[in-house]
Protein backbone atom coordinates (compact mmCIF):
# COMPACT_ATOMS: atom_id res chain seq x y z
CA UNK A 1 -24.99 174.52 132.87
CA UNK A 2 -26.79 176.99 135.10
CA UNK A 3 -24.64 178.77 137.70
CA UNK A 4 -26.52 177.02 140.53
CA UNK A 5 -26.72 173.46 141.89
CA UNK A 6 -29.68 171.70 143.43
CA UNK A 7 -30.46 169.00 145.96
CA UNK A 8 -33.69 167.38 147.10
CA UNK A 9 -34.72 167.12 150.74
CA UNK A 10 -37.76 165.83 152.59
CA UNK A 11 -39.40 169.25 152.18
CA UNK A 12 -38.53 170.02 148.56
CA UNK A 13 -35.81 170.99 146.10
CA UNK A 14 -33.38 173.73 147.15
CA UNK A 15 -30.40 175.57 145.73
CA UNK A 16 -27.42 174.18 147.65
CA UNK A 17 -24.58 175.77 145.67
CA UNK A 18 -24.01 178.70 143.33
CA UNK A 19 -21.28 180.70 141.73
CA UNK A 20 -20.16 183.69 143.75
CA UNK A 21 -22.46 186.01 141.81
CA UNK A 22 -25.52 184.05 142.94
CA UNK A 23 -24.32 182.87 146.37
CA UNK A 24 -27.08 184.84 148.12
CA UNK A 25 -29.62 182.40 146.67
CA UNK A 26 -28.11 179.33 148.33
CA UNK A 27 -30.80 177.98 150.66
CA UNK A 28 -33.76 179.08 148.54
CA UNK A 29 -36.45 176.55 147.66
CA UNK A 30 -37.23 175.97 143.99
CA UNK A 31 -40.96 176.03 143.29
CA UNK A 32 -41.00 176.20 139.49
CA UNK A 33 -38.77 176.24 136.41
CA UNK A 34 -39.80 178.49 133.53
CA UNK A 35 -43.29 178.60 135.00
CA UNK A 36 -43.63 174.80 135.34
CA UNK A 37 -44.08 173.15 138.73
CA UNK A 38 -40.83 171.57 139.91
CA UNK A 39 -42.53 168.18 140.40
CA UNK A 40 -43.64 168.11 136.76
CA UNK A 41 -40.16 169.07 135.57
CA UNK A 42 -38.49 166.30 137.59
CA UNK A 43 -41.02 163.71 136.41
CA UNK A 44 -40.22 164.60 132.79
CA UNK A 45 -36.46 164.45 133.41
CA UNK A 46 -36.84 160.94 134.81
CA UNK A 47 -38.53 159.83 131.58
CA UNK A 48 -35.37 160.43 129.54
CA UNK A 49 -32.49 159.75 131.89
CA UNK A 50 -30.83 156.73 133.55
CA UNK A 51 -31.30 155.44 137.08
CA UNK A 52 -31.48 152.14 138.96
CA UNK A 53 -34.46 152.97 141.14
CA UNK A 54 -36.65 155.87 142.18
CA UNK A 55 -34.12 156.91 144.81
CA UNK A 56 -31.09 157.24 142.55
CA UNK A 57 -33.39 159.02 140.08
CA UNK A 58 -33.61 161.89 142.56
CA UNK A 59 -29.84 162.41 142.65
CA UNK A 60 -29.42 162.10 138.88
CA UNK A 61 -32.29 164.50 138.20
CA UNK A 62 -30.65 167.20 140.33
CA UNK A 63 -27.77 167.37 137.83
CA UNK A 64 -29.96 167.42 134.74
CA UNK A 65 -32.18 170.08 136.32
CA UNK A 66 -29.25 172.48 135.93
CA UNK A 67 -28.96 171.81 132.18
CA UNK A 68 -30.89 174.18 129.87
CA UNK A 69 -30.38 171.65 127.05
CA UNK A 70 -32.22 168.98 129.04
CA UNK A 71 -34.98 171.42 129.97
CA UNK A 72 -35.37 172.29 126.29
CA UNK A 73 -35.46 168.61 125.32
CA UNK A 74 -38.30 167.77 127.71
CA UNK A 75 -40.34 170.78 126.58
CA UNK A 76 -39.73 173.03 129.58
CA UNK A 77 -37.07 175.29 128.07
CA UNK A 78 -37.38 179.01 127.56
CA UNK A 79 -34.88 179.90 124.87
CA UNK A 80 -31.90 181.95 126.00
CA UNK A 81 -32.49 182.04 129.77
CA UNK A 82 -33.92 179.88 132.54
CA UNK A 83 -36.23 181.42 135.13
CA UNK A 84 -36.52 179.87 138.58
CA UNK A 85 -39.38 180.66 140.95
CA UNK A 86 -37.81 180.68 144.41
CA UNK A 87 -39.05 180.95 147.98
CA UNK A 88 -36.83 182.13 150.82
CA UNK A 89 -36.91 181.12 154.46
CA UNK A 90 -39.42 183.89 155.24
CA UNK A 91 -41.87 182.52 152.68
CA UNK A 92 -41.35 185.31 150.16
CA UNK A 93 -41.26 184.32 146.47
CA UNK A 94 -39.26 185.85 143.65
CA UNK A 95 -38.09 184.96 140.17
CA UNK A 96 -34.44 184.53 139.21
CA UNK A 97 -33.37 184.51 135.54
CA UNK A 98 -30.12 182.70 134.76
CA UNK A 99 -27.91 182.26 131.73
CA UNK A 100 -26.00 179.04 131.08
CA UNK A 101 -22.25 179.21 131.69
CA UNK A 102 -19.15 177.20 130.85
CA UNK A 103 -18.56 175.44 134.15
CA UNK A 104 -14.81 174.86 133.74
CA UNK A 105 -12.85 176.59 136.48
CA UNK A 106 -15.92 177.87 138.31
CA UNK A 107 -15.61 178.46 142.06
CA UNK A 108 -18.70 177.16 143.84
CA UNK A 109 -20.18 178.25 147.13
CA UNK A 110 -22.03 175.32 148.79
CA UNK A 111 -22.56 171.64 147.99
CA UNK A 112 -24.04 169.60 145.14
CA UNK A 113 -26.44 166.66 144.84
CA UNK A 114 -23.83 164.14 145.87
CA UNK A 115 -23.81 165.54 149.41
CA UNK A 116 -26.11 163.29 151.43
CA UNK A 117 -24.24 163.60 154.73
CA UNK A 118 -25.12 167.17 155.57
CA UNK A 119 -22.91 170.08 156.55
CA UNK A 120 -21.37 168.90 159.85
CA UNK A 121 -17.73 169.86 159.48
CA UNK A 122 -16.62 167.48 162.26
CA UNK A 123 -17.72 164.54 160.09
CA UNK A 124 -15.53 165.46 157.09
CA UNK A 125 -12.24 163.79 156.23
CA UNK A 126 -9.27 166.16 156.39
CA UNK A 127 -7.03 164.14 154.05
CA UNK A 128 -7.28 163.31 150.35
CA UNK A 129 -8.13 159.68 151.07
CA UNK A 130 -11.74 158.63 150.40
CA UNK A 131 -12.01 157.27 153.93
CA UNK A 132 -11.12 158.31 157.46
CA UNK A 133 -11.74 157.53 161.11
CA UNK A 134 -13.15 160.17 163.44
CA UNK A 135 -13.54 159.63 167.19
CA UNK A 136 -16.59 161.40 168.63
CA UNK A 137 -15.73 160.68 172.25
CA UNK A 138 -18.38 162.92 173.77
CA UNK A 139 -21.02 160.91 171.86
CA UNK A 140 -19.36 157.53 172.54
CA UNK A 141 -19.03 156.99 168.78
CA UNK A 142 -16.24 155.78 166.50
CA UNK A 143 -17.19 157.14 163.09
CA UNK A 144 -15.79 155.75 159.83
CA UNK A 145 -16.49 157.87 156.77
CA UNK A 146 -16.22 155.81 153.60
CA UNK A 147 -16.85 157.89 150.46
CA UNK A 148 -15.54 155.27 148.01
CA UNK A 149 -14.77 151.57 148.10
CA UNK A 150 -11.03 151.87 147.66
CA UNK A 151 -7.70 151.04 149.23
CA UNK A 152 -4.56 153.09 149.75
CA UNK A 153 -1.38 151.01 150.22
CA UNK A 154 0.00 153.64 152.62
CA UNK A 155 -3.07 153.37 154.85
CA UNK A 156 -5.05 150.27 153.84
CA UNK A 157 -8.76 150.19 154.49
CA UNK A 158 -8.24 147.02 156.52
CA UNK A 159 -5.91 148.89 158.89
CA UNK A 160 -8.43 151.70 159.31
CA UNK A 161 -11.22 149.25 160.12
CA UNK A 162 -9.02 147.34 162.56
CA UNK A 163 -8.19 150.60 164.33
CA UNK A 164 -11.86 151.61 164.39
CA UNK A 165 -12.96 148.29 165.88
CA UNK A 166 -10.25 148.40 168.53
CA UNK A 167 -11.18 151.96 169.53
CA UNK A 168 -14.88 151.07 169.76
CA UNK A 169 -14.21 147.93 171.78
CA UNK A 170 -11.78 149.64 174.16
CA UNK A 171 -14.06 152.60 174.83
CA UNK A 172 -17.29 150.58 174.77
CA UNK A 173 -18.34 152.95 171.97
CA UNK A 174 -20.64 152.45 169.03
CA UNK A 175 -19.23 151.96 165.55
CA UNK A 176 -20.76 153.93 162.67
CA UNK A 177 -19.79 153.37 159.03
CA UNK A 178 -21.11 156.17 156.82
CA UNK A 179 -21.83 155.15 153.20
CA UNK A 180 -24.21 158.00 152.40
CA UNK A 181 -21.82 159.69 149.96
CA UNK A 182 -20.39 156.47 148.53
CA UNK A 183 -21.17 155.80 144.82
CA UNK A 184 -18.93 152.71 144.73
CA UNK A 185 -15.45 151.78 143.61
CA UNK A 186 -13.83 148.35 143.80
CA UNK A 187 -15.93 145.76 145.60
CA UNK A 188 -12.78 143.69 146.18
CA UNK A 189 -12.11 145.82 149.27
CA UNK A 190 -15.54 145.32 150.86
CA UNK A 191 -14.24 142.39 152.88
CA UNK A 192 -12.09 144.79 154.93
CA UNK A 193 -15.28 146.31 156.32
CA UNK A 194 -17.60 143.40 156.90
CA UNK A 195 -14.90 141.02 158.19
CA UNK A 196 -13.79 143.61 160.75
CA UNK A 197 -17.32 143.82 162.12
CA UNK A 198 -18.12 140.13 161.80
CA UNK A 199 -15.00 139.10 163.74
CA UNK A 200 -15.79 141.38 166.69
CA UNK A 201 -17.99 139.63 169.23
CA UNK A 202 -18.64 142.97 170.91
CA UNK A 203 -19.55 145.02 167.84
CA UNK A 204 -21.40 142.36 165.87
CA UNK A 205 -24.49 142.99 167.97
CA UNK A 206 -27.67 144.92 167.24
CA UNK A 207 -27.20 148.33 168.80
CA UNK A 208 -23.39 148.47 168.67
CA UNK A 209 -22.72 148.84 164.91
CA UNK A 210 -24.58 151.06 162.46
CA UNK A 211 -24.28 151.73 158.73
CA UNK A 212 -25.62 154.99 157.30
CA UNK A 213 -27.11 154.74 153.80
CA UNK A 214 -28.72 157.08 151.27
CA UNK A 215 -29.80 157.34 147.65
CA UNK A 216 -26.14 157.89 146.73
CA UNK A 217 -25.11 154.51 148.22
CA UNK A 218 -24.50 152.74 144.93
CA UNK A 219 -22.60 150.08 142.96
CA UNK A 220 -19.79 148.56 145.09
CA UNK A 221 -21.20 150.36 148.12
CA UNK A 222 -24.50 148.54 147.52
CA UNK A 223 -22.57 145.26 147.39
CA UNK A 224 -21.09 146.11 150.78
CA UNK A 225 -24.54 146.88 152.17
CA UNK A 226 -25.84 143.54 150.91
CA UNK A 227 -22.97 141.58 152.49
CA UNK A 228 -23.33 143.44 155.77
CA UNK A 229 -27.07 142.76 155.84
CA UNK A 230 -26.56 139.07 155.12
CA UNK A 231 -23.57 138.40 157.37
CA UNK A 232 -23.62 140.84 160.28
CA UNK A 233 -25.89 142.43 162.84
CA UNK A 234 -25.37 146.02 161.72
CA UNK A 235 -28.38 148.32 161.76
CA UNK A 236 -29.04 150.54 158.74
CA UNK A 237 -30.06 154.15 159.35
CA UNK A 238 -30.85 156.81 156.75
CA UNK A 239 -32.68 156.51 153.43
CA UNK A 240 -33.04 153.71 150.83
CA UNK A 241 -30.00 152.99 148.68
CA UNK A 242 -29.76 154.14 145.07
CA UNK A 243 -29.11 150.64 143.71
CA UNK A 244 -30.83 147.28 143.87
CA UNK A 245 -29.25 144.42 145.86
CA UNK A 246 -29.09 142.54 142.54
CA UNK A 247 -27.87 144.96 139.88
CA UNK A 248 -25.59 145.45 136.91
CA UNK A 249 -22.26 147.22 137.29
CA UNK A 250 -18.60 147.38 136.22
CA UNK A 251 -19.24 149.67 133.28
CA UNK A 252 -16.97 149.37 130.25
CA UNK A 253 -16.35 151.76 127.36
CA UNK A 254 -16.80 150.69 123.75
CA UNK A 255 -17.25 152.39 120.39
CA UNK A 256 -19.49 151.35 117.50
CA UNK A 257 -17.47 150.49 114.40
CA UNK A 258 -19.22 152.66 111.83
CA UNK A 259 -20.88 155.56 113.64
CA UNK A 260 -18.02 155.80 116.19
CA UNK A 261 -20.56 156.56 118.90
CA UNK A 262 -19.15 155.82 122.33
CA UNK A 263 -20.95 153.96 125.10
CA UNK A 264 -20.37 153.35 128.79
CA UNK A 265 -22.30 150.19 129.63
CA UNK A 266 -22.51 147.86 132.64
CA UNK A 267 -20.86 144.51 132.03
CA UNK A 268 -21.42 142.32 135.11
CA UNK A 269 -24.57 141.22 136.93
CA UNK A 270 -23.98 141.32 140.68
CA UNK A 271 -26.36 139.00 142.52
CA UNK A 272 -27.51 139.58 146.08
CA UNK A 273 -26.27 137.03 148.66
CA UNK A 274 -29.88 135.84 148.67
CA UNK A 275 -30.64 135.18 144.97
CA UNK A 276 -34.41 135.64 145.39
CA UNK A 277 -33.86 139.18 146.67
CA UNK A 278 -35.81 141.25 144.15
CA UNK A 279 -35.94 144.49 146.12
CA UNK A 280 -35.48 147.76 144.27
CA UNK A 281 -33.26 149.07 147.08
CA UNK A 282 -32.04 148.30 150.58
CA UNK A 283 -34.20 150.22 153.02
CA UNK A 284 -32.99 151.42 156.43
CA UNK A 285 -34.15 149.75 159.62
CA UNK A 286 -34.59 153.30 160.96
CA UNK A 287 -35.45 156.10 158.55
CA UNK A 288 -33.56 159.39 158.96
CA UNK A 289 -33.88 161.84 156.09
CA UNK A 290 -32.57 165.38 155.84
CA UNK A 291 -34.85 168.37 155.72
CA UNK A 292 -33.39 171.50 154.16
CA UNK A 293 -33.03 173.02 157.62
CA UNK A 294 -31.10 169.96 158.82
CA UNK A 295 -28.73 170.30 155.89
CA UNK A 296 -28.05 174.01 156.10
CA UNK A 297 -27.94 174.13 159.92
CA UNK A 298 -25.47 171.24 160.18
CA UNK A 299 -27.76 168.76 161.92
CA UNK A 300 -27.52 165.04 161.18
CA UNK A 301 -30.86 163.24 161.65
CA UNK A 302 -29.20 159.82 161.42
CA UNK A 303 -26.94 160.49 164.38
CA UNK A 304 -29.93 161.91 166.24
CA UNK A 305 -31.83 158.64 165.70
CA UNK A 306 -28.88 156.52 166.83
CA UNK A 307 -28.43 158.62 169.98
CA UNK A 308 -31.95 157.63 171.07
CA UNK A 309 -31.39 153.88 170.64
CA UNK A 310 -30.18 151.54 173.39
CA UNK A 311 -26.76 149.87 173.15
CA UNK A 312 -28.44 146.47 172.91
CA UNK A 313 -31.49 146.02 170.71
CA UNK A 314 -33.45 142.80 171.03
CA UNK A 315 -33.97 140.77 167.88
CA UNK A 316 -37.76 140.98 168.06
CA UNK A 317 -37.66 144.73 168.69
CA UNK A 318 -35.63 145.17 165.50
CA UNK A 319 -37.97 142.79 163.68
CA UNK A 320 -40.99 144.88 164.67
CA UNK A 321 -39.22 148.14 163.75
CA UNK A 322 -38.26 146.72 160.34
CA UNK A 323 -41.79 145.43 159.83
CA UNK A 324 -43.23 148.91 160.44
CA UNK A 325 -40.69 150.33 157.97
CA UNK A 326 -42.09 147.97 155.31
CA UNK A 327 -39.21 145.52 155.69
CA UNK A 328 -40.24 142.63 153.45
CA UNK A 329 -37.26 140.39 152.82
CA UNK A 330 -35.20 142.39 155.33
CA UNK A 331 -37.30 140.66 158.00
CA UNK A 332 -36.19 137.29 156.65
CA UNK A 333 -32.56 138.35 156.88
CA UNK A 334 -32.98 139.11 160.59
CA UNK A 335 -34.40 135.68 161.33
CA UNK A 336 -32.05 133.55 159.25
CA UNK A 337 -29.01 135.32 160.72
CA UNK A 338 -30.10 134.32 164.21
CA UNK A 339 -30.90 130.78 163.08
CA UNK A 340 -27.37 130.37 161.74
CA UNK A 341 -25.32 132.54 164.10
CA UNK A 342 -22.94 130.58 166.39
CA UNK A 343 -23.45 133.13 169.19
CA UNK A 344 -27.23 133.46 168.94
CA UNK A 345 -28.95 133.85 172.32
CA UNK A 346 -32.08 132.25 170.93
CA UNK A 347 -33.00 130.46 167.69
CA UNK A 348 -36.68 129.63 168.05
CA UNK A 349 -38.63 132.89 167.78
CA UNK A 350 -41.96 131.40 166.74
CA UNK A 351 -43.66 132.10 170.06
CA UNK A 352 -42.40 135.69 170.02
CA UNK A 353 -43.55 136.14 166.43
CA UNK A 354 -47.01 134.83 167.22
CA UNK A 355 -47.21 137.18 170.22
CA UNK A 356 -46.19 140.09 167.97
CA UNK A 357 -48.74 139.17 165.32
CA UNK A 358 -51.48 138.85 167.92
CA UNK A 359 -50.64 142.25 169.36
CA UNK A 360 -50.64 143.84 165.92
CA UNK A 361 -53.95 142.22 164.99
CA UNK A 362 -55.54 143.36 168.24
CA UNK A 363 -54.39 146.91 167.43
CA UNK A 364 -56.04 146.72 164.01
CA UNK A 365 -52.83 146.10 162.02
CA UNK A 366 -53.92 142.76 160.60
CA UNK A 367 -51.91 143.27 157.39
CA UNK A 368 -48.69 143.74 159.35
CA UNK A 369 -49.58 140.72 161.46
CA UNK A 370 -50.01 138.57 158.36
CA UNK A 371 -46.71 139.84 156.94
CA UNK A 372 -44.87 138.97 160.16
CA UNK A 373 -46.14 135.40 160.18
CA UNK A 374 -45.74 135.05 156.42
CA UNK A 375 -42.05 135.98 156.57
CA UNK A 376 -41.60 133.76 159.61
CA UNK A 377 -42.97 130.79 157.69
CA UNK A 378 -40.01 130.98 155.30
CA UNK A 379 -37.50 130.89 158.14
CA UNK A 380 -39.41 128.23 160.13
CA UNK A 381 -40.68 126.01 157.35
CA UNK A 382 -43.30 123.39 158.27
CA UNK A 383 -43.64 124.67 161.84
CA UNK A 384 -47.07 123.44 162.97
CA UNK A 385 -47.55 126.13 165.62
CA UNK A 386 -46.80 128.88 163.12
CA UNK A 387 -49.11 127.37 160.50
CA UNK A 388 -51.95 127.21 163.03
CA UNK A 389 -51.43 130.85 163.99
CA UNK A 390 -51.51 131.95 160.35
CA UNK A 391 -54.71 130.00 159.80
CA UNK A 392 -56.34 131.51 162.88
CA UNK A 393 -55.31 135.01 161.85
CA UNK A 394 -56.79 134.62 158.37
CA UNK A 395 -60.25 133.75 159.71
């Protein structure tokens, strides 16, 4: 591979890691590869590689971008060396020619494409476990970092979640579960997370519990997201997940008898809690994506978004926010949870939904208004008032 690593941000592709010899180039934006625009190169990589949706394609392509063999295969190679056109923070451009290296034993400076949580050191686990609890008292936050769906018998995930919930309840803090760097693991341990939240009357409220997601939220982590969306009142912040709510997983190895070619192939179809859920990903209720400056300067846009939200978010306010984010079936989840929740403050939101649709239509957002009433009609089937409002809006 090349002696550099890449990641994609809201403002482009950047070098985020390098061997010591090229460490000075960490932070540079990649404009072209061997004279070809970076967008064209990535589009060609996506034609030959694997991914579940357009979001996971971004992460996968960052790894293949560093492979001269892949670049040669897609017609963008340049023989013995690879030339990157780079732009620094001052806007100056330069070309950097690189030779492929054996990556075994290489010491890297920086982070790779799996890093979707930024560079804040106070949000990193200090043990070898794939999960940890961090109290951010000055921000009134109990932060659970979960980088794999796993369980350690010496410190079970269930114990960590119980401790996190107790801390958040006692301090009247918010609970944040970060799944942005979580590619999966064993979905058998997901119950430790969503049961802990579901059983807390204080935290199972919109505005008290948040789950951070990204394009690296995948496999068993996607299963956790789906169960949380269906069963709890957590709010998702970040970027769309890298897997579909209904997807194939649990890859198994097998070898063909005659050619002896080996394969690693998914073996189980995991179905969303709502079988008709055909979404390509789970989208956040509140978008919060990293720019390159956010990443390198140690800022976390997701925590910045959460800090601006009230501790209690009304159901219809979240519905409108999700609608403006292009929510689709996520809107249905919000309504059916309130219809079936034992502690729901209100169950009949038809009047509120009609008021919202009227306001949107008056503001010129007739398409959003129709979507709001259309989704509502699935939750409130055969409601005469809702049907009349949809008819009036269509005229």
